[in-house]
C-alpha atoms as a PDB file:
ATOM      1  CA  UNK A   1       0.049   0.123  -0.065  1.00  0.00           C
ATOM      2  CA  UNK A   2       2.874   2.522   0.868  1.00  0.00           C
ATOM      3  CA  UNK A   3       4.602   1.839  -2.605  1.00  0.00           C
ATOM      4  CA  UNK A   4       1.269   2.258  -4.370  1.00  0.00           C
ATOM      5  CA  UNK A   5       0.528   5.487  -2.463  1.00  0.00           C
ATOM      6  CA  UNK A   6       4.053   6.737  -3.625  1.00  0.00           C
ATOM      7  CA  UNK A   7       3.568   5.935  -7.292  1.00  0.00           C
ATOM      8  CA  UNK A   8       0.194   7.765  -7.142  1.00  0.00           C
ATOM      9  CA  UNK A   9       1.978  10.845  -5.877  1.00  0.00           C
ATOM     10  CA  UNK A  10      -0.098  10.590  -2.604  1.00  0.00           C
ATOM     11  CA  UNK A  11       3.054  10.446  -0.197  1.00  0.00           C
ATOM     12  CA  UNK A  12       6.188  12.219  -1.032  1.00  0.00           C
ATOM     13  CA  UNK A  13       9.086   9.717  -1.154  1.00  0.00           C
ATOM     14  CA  UNK A  14      11.118  12.178   1.024  1.00  0.00           C
ATOM     15  CA  UNK A  15       8.510  11.639   4.029  1.00  0.00           C
ATOM     16  CA  UNK A  16       8.688   8.009   3.453  1.00  0.00           C
ATOM     17  CA  UNK A  17      12.357   8.269   3.802  1.00  0.00           C
ATOM     18  CA  UNK A  18      12.357  10.607   6.913  1.00  0.00           C
ATOM     19  CA  UNK A  19      10.391   7.898   8.601  1.00  0.00           C
ATOM     20  CA  UNK A  20      12.655   5.027   7.704  1.00  0.00           C
ATOM     21  CA  UNK A  21      10.879   3.779   4.811  1.00  0.00           C
ATOM     22  CA  UNK A  22       7.816   2.611   6.857  1.00  0.00           C
ATOM     23  CA  UNK A  23       4.681   4.294   7.541  1.00  0.00           C
ATOM     24  CA  UNK A  24       3.749   4.973  11.214  1.00  0.00           C
ATOM     25  CA  UNK A  25       1.236   2.343  12.214  1.00  0.00           C
ATOM     26  CA  UNK A  26      -2.128   3.873  13.398  1.00  0.00           C
ATOM     27  CA  UNK A  27      -3.030   2.650  16.942  1.00  0.00           C
ATOM     28  CA  UNK A  28      -6.515   2.515  17.588  1.00  0.00           C
ATOM     29  CA  UNK A  29      -7.979   4.547  20.652  1.00  0.00           C
ATOM     30  CA  UNK A  30      -8.878   2.469  23.594  1.00  0.00           C
ATOM     31  CA  UNK A  31     -12.159   3.166  25.145  1.00  0.00           C
ATOM     32  CA  UNK A  32     -12.320   2.128  28.730  1.00  0.00           C
ATOM     33  CA  UNK A  33     -15.479   0.471  29.634  1.00  0.00           C
ATOM     34  CA  UNK A  34     -16.688   0.936  33.497  1.00  0.00           C
ATOM     35  CA  UNK A  35     -18.898  -2.091  34.353  1.00  0.00           C
ATOM     36  CA  UNK A  36     -21.391  -1.547  36.987  1.00  0.00           C
ATOM     37  CA  UNK A  37     -21.467  -4.329  39.746  1.00  0.00           C
ATOM     38  CA  UNK A  38     -24.133  -6.907  39.140  1.00  0.00           C
ATOM     39  CA  UNK A  39     -26.244  -7.263  42.350  1.00  0.00           C
ATOM     40  CA  UNK A  40     -28.117 -10.561  42.485  1.00  0.00           C
ATOM     41  CA  UNK A  41     -30.175 -12.184  44.690  1.00  0.00           C
ATOM     42  CA  UNK A  42     -32.314 -10.914  47.839  1.00  0.00           C
ATOM     43  CA  UNK A  43     -30.679  -8.320  50.210  1.00  0.00           C
ATOM     44  CA  UNK A  44     -30.499 -10.070  53.557  1.00  0.00           C
ATOM     45  CA  UNK A  45     -29.504  -7.800  56.482  1.00  0.00           C
ATOM     46  CA  UNK A  46     -28.056  -9.135  59.623  1.00  0.00           C
ATOM     47  CA  UNK A  47     -28.393  -7.073  62.514  1.00  0.00           C
ATOM     48  CA  UNK A  48     -27.096  -6.735  66.219  1.00  0.00           C
ATOM     49  CA  UNK A  49     -27.037  -3.881  68.843  1.00  0.00           C
ATOM     50  CA  UNK A  50     -25.091  -3.069  71.948  1.00  0.00           C
ATOM     51  CA  UNK A  51     -26.576  -0.994  74.510  1.00  0.00           C
ATOM     52  CA  UNK A  52     -25.423   1.752  77.025  1.00  0.00           C
ATOM     53  CA  UNK A  53     -27.307   0.500  80.041  1.00  0.00           C
ATOM     54  CA  UNK A  54     -28.232  -2.642  81.486  1.00  0.00           C
ATOM     55  CA  UNK A  55     -31.607  -4.038  82.121  1.00  0.00           C
ATOM     56  CA  UNK A  56     -30.975  -3.587  85.809  1.00  0.00           C
ATOM     57  CA  UNK A  57     -29.746   0.083  85.329  1.00  0.00           C
ATOM     58  CA  UNK A  58     -33.032   1.069  83.666  1.00  0.00           C
ATOM     59  CA  UNK A  59     -35.470  -0.872  86.099  1.00  0.00           C
ATOM     60  CA  UNK A  60     -35.868  -4.085  84.224  1.00  0.00           C
ATOM     61  CA  UNK A  61     -36.333  -5.742  80.909  1.00  0.00           C
ATOM     62  CA  UNK A  62     -39.654  -3.856  80.427  1.00  0.00           C
ATOM     63  CA  UNK A  63     -37.810  -0.597  80.005  1.00  0.00           C
ATOM     64  CA  UNK A  64     -35.375  -2.008  77.290  1.00  0.00           C
ATOM     65  CA  UNK A  65     -36.505   1.288  75.346  1.00  0.00           C
ATOM     66  CA  UNK A  66     -34.482   3.195  77.980  1.00  0.00           C
ATOM     67  CA  UNK A  67     -31.224   1.273  77.446  1.00  0.00           C
ATOM     68  CA  UNK A  68     -29.788   3.381  74.568  1.00  0.00           C
ATOM     69  CA  UNK A  69     -27.682   2.369  71.509  1.00  0.00           C
ATOM     70  CA  UNK A  70     -23.762   2.201  72.163  1.00  0.00           C
ATOM     71  CA  UNK A  71     -23.392   0.756  68.541  1.00  0.00           C
ATOM     72  CA  UNK A  72     -25.296  -1.256  65.898  1.00  0.00           C
ATOM     73  CA  UNK A  73     -23.519  -3.537  63.320  1.00  0.00           C
ATOM     74  CA  UNK A  74     -25.155  -5.028  60.331  1.00  0.00           C
ATOM     75  CA  UNK A  75     -24.058  -7.208  57.429  1.00  0.00           C
ATOM     76  CA  UNK A  76     -25.466  -6.675  54.147  1.00  0.00           C
ATOM     77  CA  UNK A  77     -25.537  -9.732  51.637  1.00  0.00           C
ATOM     78  CA  UNK A  78     -25.532  -7.717  48.591  1.00  0.00           C
ATOM     79  CA  UNK A  79     -22.804  -5.148  49.501  1.00  0.00           C
ATOM     80  CA  UNK A  80     -20.904  -8.241  51.273  1.00  0.00           C
ATOM     81  CA  UNK A  81     -19.633  -5.927  54.227  1.00  0.00           C
ATOM     82  CA  UNK A  82     -20.106  -4.900  57.620  1.00  0.00           C
ATOM     83  CA  UNK A  83     -21.386  -1.471  58.390  1.00  0.00           C
ATOM     84  CA  UNK A  84     -21.275   0.000  61.825  1.00  0.00           C
ATOM     85  CA  UNK A  85     -23.877   2.867  63.162  1.00  0.00           C
ATOM     86  CA  UNK A  86     -23.545   4.677  66.354  1.00  0.00           C
ATOM     87  CA  UNK A  87     -26.400   6.933  67.994  1.00  0.00           C
ATOM     88  CA  UNK A  88     -25.451  10.262  66.023  1.00  0.00           C
ATOM     89  CA  UNK A  89     -26.058   8.410  62.621  1.00  0.00           C
ATOM     90  CA  UNK A  90     -28.801   5.831  63.691  1.00  0.00           C
ATOM     91  CA  UNK A  91     -31.114   7.233  60.968  1.00  0.00           C
ATOM     92  CA  UNK A  92     -28.832   5.540  58.426  1.00  0.00           C
ATOM     93  CA  UNK A  93     -29.492   2.079  60.229  1.00  0.00           C
ATOM     94  CA  UNK A  94     -33.171   2.467  59.540  1.00  0.00           C
ATOM     95  CA  UNK A  95     -32.672   3.752  55.955  1.00  0.00           C
ATOM     96  CA  UNK A  96     -30.418   0.466  55.409  1.00  0.00           C
ATOM     97  CA  UNK A  97     -33.058  -1.893  57.231  1.00  0.00           C
ATOM     98  CA  UNK A  98     -35.853  -0.274  55.086  1.00  0.00           C
ATOM     99  CA  UNK A  99     -33.982  -1.602  51.959  1.00  0.00           C
ATOM    100  CA  UNK A 100     -33.716  -5.183  53.028  1.00  0.00           C
ATOM    101  CA  UNK A 101     -35.831  -7.978  51.811  1.00  0.00           C
ATOM    102  CA  UNK A 102     -35.174  -9.744  55.059  1.00  0.00           C
ATOM    103  CA  UNK A 103     -33.544  -8.965  58.434  1.00  0.00           C
ATOM    104  CA  UNK A 104     -32.299 -11.722  60.215  1.00  0.00           C
ATOM    105  CA  UNK A 105     -31.336 -11.362  64.022  1.00  0.00           C
ATOM    106  CA  UNK A 106     -31.157 -13.416  67.337  1.00  0.00           C
ATOM    107  CA  UNK A 107     -33.860 -12.064  69.808  1.00  0.00           C
ATOM    108  CA  UNK A 108     -34.211  -9.277  67.548  1.00  0.00           C
ATOM    109  CA  UNK A 109     -37.882  -8.776  67.972  1.00  0.00           C
ATOM    110  CA  UNK A 110     -38.028  -8.656  71.784  1.00  0.00           C
ATOM    111  CA  UNK A 111     -34.594  -6.781  72.360  1.00  0.00           C
ATOM    112  CA  UNK A 112     -32.976  -4.987  69.382  1.00  0.00           C
ATOM    113  CA  UNK A 113     -36.077  -3.709  67.789  1.00  0.00           C
ATOM    114  CA  UNK A 114     -37.418  -2.466  71.331  1.00  0.00           C
ATOM    115  CA  UNK A 115     -34.109  -0.605  72.125  1.00  0.00           C
ATOM    116  CA  UNK A 116     -34.101   0.841  68.616  1.00  0.00           C
ATOM    117  CA  UNK A 117     -37.772   1.972  68.790  1.00  0.00           C
ATOM    118  CA  UNK A 118     -36.842   4.873  71.049  1.00  0.00           C
ATOM    119  CA  UNK A 119     -35.109   6.461  68.041  1.00  0.00           C
ATOM    120  CA  UNK A 120     -38.059   6.053  65.556  1.00  0.00           C
ATOM    121  CA  UNK A 121     -41.683   6.767  65.008  1.00  0.00           C
ATOM    122  CA  UNK A 122     -41.654   3.596  62.606  1.00  0.00           C
ATOM    123  CA  UNK A 123     -42.957   0.398  63.788  1.00  0.00           C
ATOM    124  CA  UNK A 124     -39.877  -1.844  63.258  1.00  0.00           C
ATOM    125  CA  UNK A 125     -42.360  -4.644  63.824  1.00  0.00           C
ATOM    126  CA  UNK A 126     -43.511  -4.120  60.218  1.00  0.00           C
ATOM    127  CA  UNK A 127     -40.014  -4.999  58.779  1.00  0.00           C
ATOM    128  CA  UNK A 128     -39.491  -8.384  57.002  1.00  0.00           C
ATOM    129  CA  UNK A 129     -37.894  -9.907  59.996  1.00  0.00           C
ATOM    130  CA  UNK A 130     -36.840 -13.493  60.844  1.00  0.00           C
ATOM    131  CA  UNK A 131     -35.906 -14.111  64.434  1.00  0.00           C
ATOM    132  CA  UNK A 132     -33.874 -16.974  64.774  1.00  0.00           C
ATOM    133  CA  UNK A 133     -34.360 -17.414  68.658  1.00  0.00           C
ATOM    134  CA  UNK A 134     -38.247 -16.904  68.138  1.00  0.00           C
ATOM    135  CA  UNK A 135     -38.306 -19.810  65.501  1.00  0.00           C
ATOM    136  CA  UNK A 136     -36.181 -22.233  67.885  1.00  0.00           C
ATOM    137  CA  UNK A 137     -38.469 -21.321  70.697  1.00  0.00           C
ATOM    138  CA  UNK A 138     -41.786 -22.335  68.617  1.00  0.00           C
ATOM    139  CA  UNK A 139     -40.022 -25.632  67.485  1.00  0.00           C
ATOM    140  CA  UNK A 140     -38.620 -26.648  70.886  1.00  0.00           C
ATOM    141  CA  UNK A 141     -40.674 -25.093  73.575  1.00  0.00           C
ATOM    142  CA  UNK A 142     -37.640 -23.478  75.117  1.00  0.00           C
ATOM    143  CA  UNK A 143     -34.844 -21.120  74.363  1.00  0.00           C
ATOM    144  CA  UNK A 144     -31.215 -21.768  73.542  1.00  0.00           C
ATOM    145  CA  UNK A 145     -28.631 -19.036  73.644  1.00  0.00           C
ATOM    146  CA  UNK A 146     -26.567 -17.657  70.748  1.00  0.00           C
ATOM    147  CA  UNK A 147     -23.382 -18.782  72.311  1.00  0.00           C
ATOM    148  CA  UNK A 148     -24.618 -22.370  73.044  1.00  0.00           C
ATOM    149  CA  UNK A 149     -25.768 -22.675  69.316  1.00  0.00           C
ATOM    150  CA  UNK A 150     -22.562 -21.230  67.918  1.00  0.00           C
ATOM    151  CA  UNK A 151     -20.373 -23.661  69.928  1.00  0.00           C
ATOM    152  CA  UNK A 152     -22.498 -26.686  69.089  1.00  0.00           C
ATOM    153  CA  UNK A 153     -23.431 -26.060  65.398  1.00  0.00           C
ATOM    154  CA  UNK A 154     -20.284 -24.022  64.196  1.00  0.00           C
ATOM    155  CA  UNK A 155     -17.776 -25.013  66.602  1.00  0.00           C
ATOM    156  CA  UNK A 156     -17.253 -21.257  67.264  1.00  0.00           C
ATOM    157  CA  UNK A 157     -18.084 -19.839  70.641  1.00  0.00           C
ATOM    158  CA  UNK A 158     -18.201 -16.249  71.544  1.00  0.00           C
ATOM    159  CA  UNK A 159     -15.438 -14.483  73.035  1.00  0.00           C
ATOM    160  CA  UNK A 160     -17.347 -12.128  75.236  1.00  0.00           C
ATOM    161  CA  UNK A 161     -20.746 -11.085  76.551  1.00  0.00           C
ATOM    162  CA  UNK A 162     -23.142  -8.388  76.745  1.00  0.00           C
ATOM    163  CA  UNK A 163     -22.169  -7.429  80.207  1.00  0.00           C
ATOM    164  CA  UNK A 164     -18.575  -7.177  79.152  1.00  0.00           C
ATOM    165  CA  UNK A 165     -19.502  -5.048  76.115  1.00  0.00           C
ATOM    166  CA  UNK A 166     -21.376  -2.751  78.681  1.00  0.00           C
ATOM    167  CA  UNK A 167     -18.131  -2.359  80.522  1.00  0.00           C
ATOM    168  CA  UNK A 168     -16.038  -1.434  77.397  1.00  0.00           C
ATOM    169  CA  UNK A 169     -18.385   1.080  76.468  1.00  0.00           C
ATOM    170  CA  UNK A 170     -18.344   2.834  79.898  1.00  0.00           C
ATOM    171  CA  UNK A 171     -14.652   2.708  79.843  1.00  0.00           C
ATOM    172  CA  UNK A 172     -14.507   4.241  76.470  1.00  0.00           C
ATOM    173  CA  UNK A 173     -13.288   1.259  74.748  1.00  0.00           C
ATOM    174  CA  UNK A 174     -15.686   1.569  71.624  1.00  0.00           C
ATOM    175  CA  UNK A 175     -13.264  -0.458  69.419  1.00  0.00           C
ATOM    176  CA  UNK A 176     -13.917  -3.497  71.302  1.00  0.00           C
ATOM    177  CA  UNK A 177     -17.708  -3.044  71.669  1.00  0.00           C
ATOM    178  CA  UNK A 178     -17.731  -2.702  67.740  1.00  0.00           C
ATOM    179  CA  UNK A 179     -15.552  -5.990  67.370  1.00  0.00           C
ATOM    180  CA  UNK A 180     -17.800  -7.873  69.914  1.00  0.00           C
ATOM    181  CA  UNK A 181     -21.074  -6.703  68.066  1.00  0.00           C
ATOM    182  CA  UNK A 182     -19.632  -7.587  64.589  1.00  0.00           C
ATOM    183  CA  UNK A 183     -18.901 -11.030  65.717  1.00  0.00           C
ATOM    184  CA  UNK A 184     -22.262 -11.576  67.022  1.00  0.00           C
ATOM    185  CA  UNK A 185     -23.676 -10.519  63.521  1.00  0.00           C
ATOM    186  CA  UNK A 186     -21.186 -12.833  61.960  1.00  0.00           C
ATOM    187  CA  UNK A 187     -22.192 -15.678  64.196  1.00  0.00           C
ATOM    188  CA  UNK A 188     -25.947 -15.039  63.410  1.00  0.00           C
ATOM    189  CA  UNK A 189     -25.346 -14.747  59.810  1.00  0.00           C
ATOM    190  CA  UNK A 190     -23.353 -18.060  59.934  1.00  0.00           C
ATOM    191  CA  UNK A 191     -25.766 -19.841  61.916  1.00  0.00           C
ATOM    192  CA  UNK A 192     -28.628 -18.673  59.586  1.00  0.00           C
ATOM    193  CA  UNK A 193     -26.553 -19.837  56.696  1.00  0.00           C
ATOM    194  CA  UNK A 194     -25.964 -23.200  58.233  1.00  0.00           C
ATOM    195  CA  UNK A 195     -29.614 -23.968  58.698  1.00  0.00           C
ATOM    196  CA  UNK A 196     -30.519 -23.110  55.100  1.00  0.00           C
ATOM    197  CA  UNK A 197     -27.950 -25.215  53.630  1.00  0.00           C
ATOM    198  CA  UNK A 198     -28.108 -28.103  55.892  1.00  0.00           C
ATOM    199  CA  UNK A 199     -31.837 -27.949  57.245  1.00  0.00           C
ATOM    200  CA  UNK A 200     -30.841 -28.337  61.048  1.00  0.00           C
ATOM    201  CA  UNK A 201     -29.064 -26.932  63.906  1.00  0.00           C
ATOM    202  CA  UNK A 202     -27.156 -28.523  66.554  1.00  0.00           C
ATOM    203  CA  UNK A 203     -27.673 -28.385  70.294  1.00  0.00           C
ATOM    204  CA  UNK A 204     -27.023 -30.099  73.519  1.00  0.00           C
ATOM    205  CA  UNK A 205     -29.806 -31.893  75.298  1.00  0.00           C
ATOM    206  CA  UNK A 206     -30.363 -30.786  78.801  1.00  0.00           C
ATOM    207  CA  UNK A 207     -31.082 -34.314  80.332  1.00  0.00           C
ATOM    208  CA  UNK A 208     -29.099 -36.460  78.192  1.00  0.00           C
ATOM    209  CA  UNK A 209     -26.179 -34.083  77.723  1.00  0.00           C
ATOM    210  CA  UNK A 210     -25.811 -35.372  74.148  1.00  0.00           C
ATOM    211  CA  UNK A 211     -25.732 -33.505  70.764  1.00  0.00           C
ATOM    212  CA  UNK A 212     -29.199 -33.250  69.146  1.00  0.00           C
ATOM    213  CA  UNK A 213     -30.317 -32.081  65.905  1.00  0.00           C
ATOM    214  CA  UNK A 214     -32.938 -29.520  65.570  1.00  0.00           C
ATOM    215  CA  UNK A 215     -34.822 -29.746  62.130  1.00  0.00           C
ATOM    216  CA  UNK A 216     -35.256 -26.401  60.466  1.00  0.00           C
ATOM    217  CA  UNK A 217     -37.017 -26.161  57.123  1.00  0.00           C
ATOM    218  CA  UNK A 218     -35.818 -22.691  56.467  1.00  0.00           C
ATOM    219  CA  UNK A 219     -36.044 -21.377  52.950  1.00  0.00           C
ATOM    220  CA  UNK A 220     -34.973 -17.900  51.867  1.00  0.00           C
ATOM    221  CA  UNK A 221     -37.757 -17.454  49.218  1.00  0.00           C
ATOM    222  CA  UNK A 222     -40.502 -18.800  51.622  1.00  0.00           C
ATOM    223  CA  UNK A 223     -39.109 -16.721  54.331  1.00  0.00           C
ATOM    224  CA  UNK A 224     -39.126 -13.412  52.358  1.00  0.00           C
ATOM    225  CA  UNK A 225     -42.608 -14.444  50.924  1.00  0.00           C
ATOM    226  CA  UNK A 226     -43.890 -14.725  54.196  1.00  0.00           C
ATOM    227  CA  UNK A 227     -42.103 -11.829  55.603  1.00  0.00           C
ATOM    228  CA  UNK A 228     -39.911 -13.691  57.810  1.00  0.00           C
ATOM    229  CA  UNK A 229     -42.713 -15.379  60.077  1.00  0.00           C
ATOM    230  CA  UNK A 230     -40.546 -18.363  60.807  1.00  0.00           C
ATOM    231  CA  UNK A 231     -41.869 -21.929  61.213  1.00  0.00           C
ATOM    232  CA  UNK A 232     -43.308 -23.031  57.881  1.00  0.00           C
ATOM    233  CA  UNK A 233     -46.076 -25.402  58.377  1.00  0.00           C
END
C-alpha cells in the first residue's frame, strides 16, 4: 500500500525516507468501559446492637427502650460487608433496614427492635424479619442461647458477653464493643446460613447431655414471601 501511495503521488518519497521507509502504524484509541457491579439475589441484612445501659440500670427488661444504643452493626449480603452505626447516625441504620428483603437477628424482636424503637416513630415490627431465637422457641418450647448454638453447630463460641460489652462502653473502649458486636452479627449470619444449607442446627440436650439435631425447614424465598414469620407449617 505504501509503494502504491508513492507511485500515485499521494505520499512524497522524502517523507517516507524520513520515517525509515515505513509508514507509522495507526494505533486505535482504547475506550475504557466501566462495568457496574451486578447485584444478584435478595438483600438479607443481619443485625445486632449493643446498649449503653443494662436492664438492671433501667429498672428491668420492660424498660429496654431506655437502654440506649452504643453501637449497631449490620452485615449486608448484597454489599458483602459489615456497616457500623452509632447513636449520632442511627437514621442511616433505619434507612438500610428499610431496603432489606429480610432482616435476620437473634432475639431481635424482643430486644433489638425495642431498644431501637426509642429512636424512631416507624414501627420496626413491620419490617420483614426473621428472628432465629423466636423460631427455635416455637420448635422446641424452650430457648437456646446464641453462644450455645454457635459452639455446638459452628464450633465457634463467643469471646465475650453483653455485660462485658457494657463495661467496655463505659470505659470508652468503643473499638472493642464494635468488634464484639460484629462477631455476633457474623455468628448470626453463619448460623442462619448453616440452617439454610443443612436443614438443621445442633444443640446439646439438657437431660442426656448429648448432641441433638434441631430440624429447620428454612427456605429463603419462603421466609421472604412470608415476611420472615418463621416456622413454615
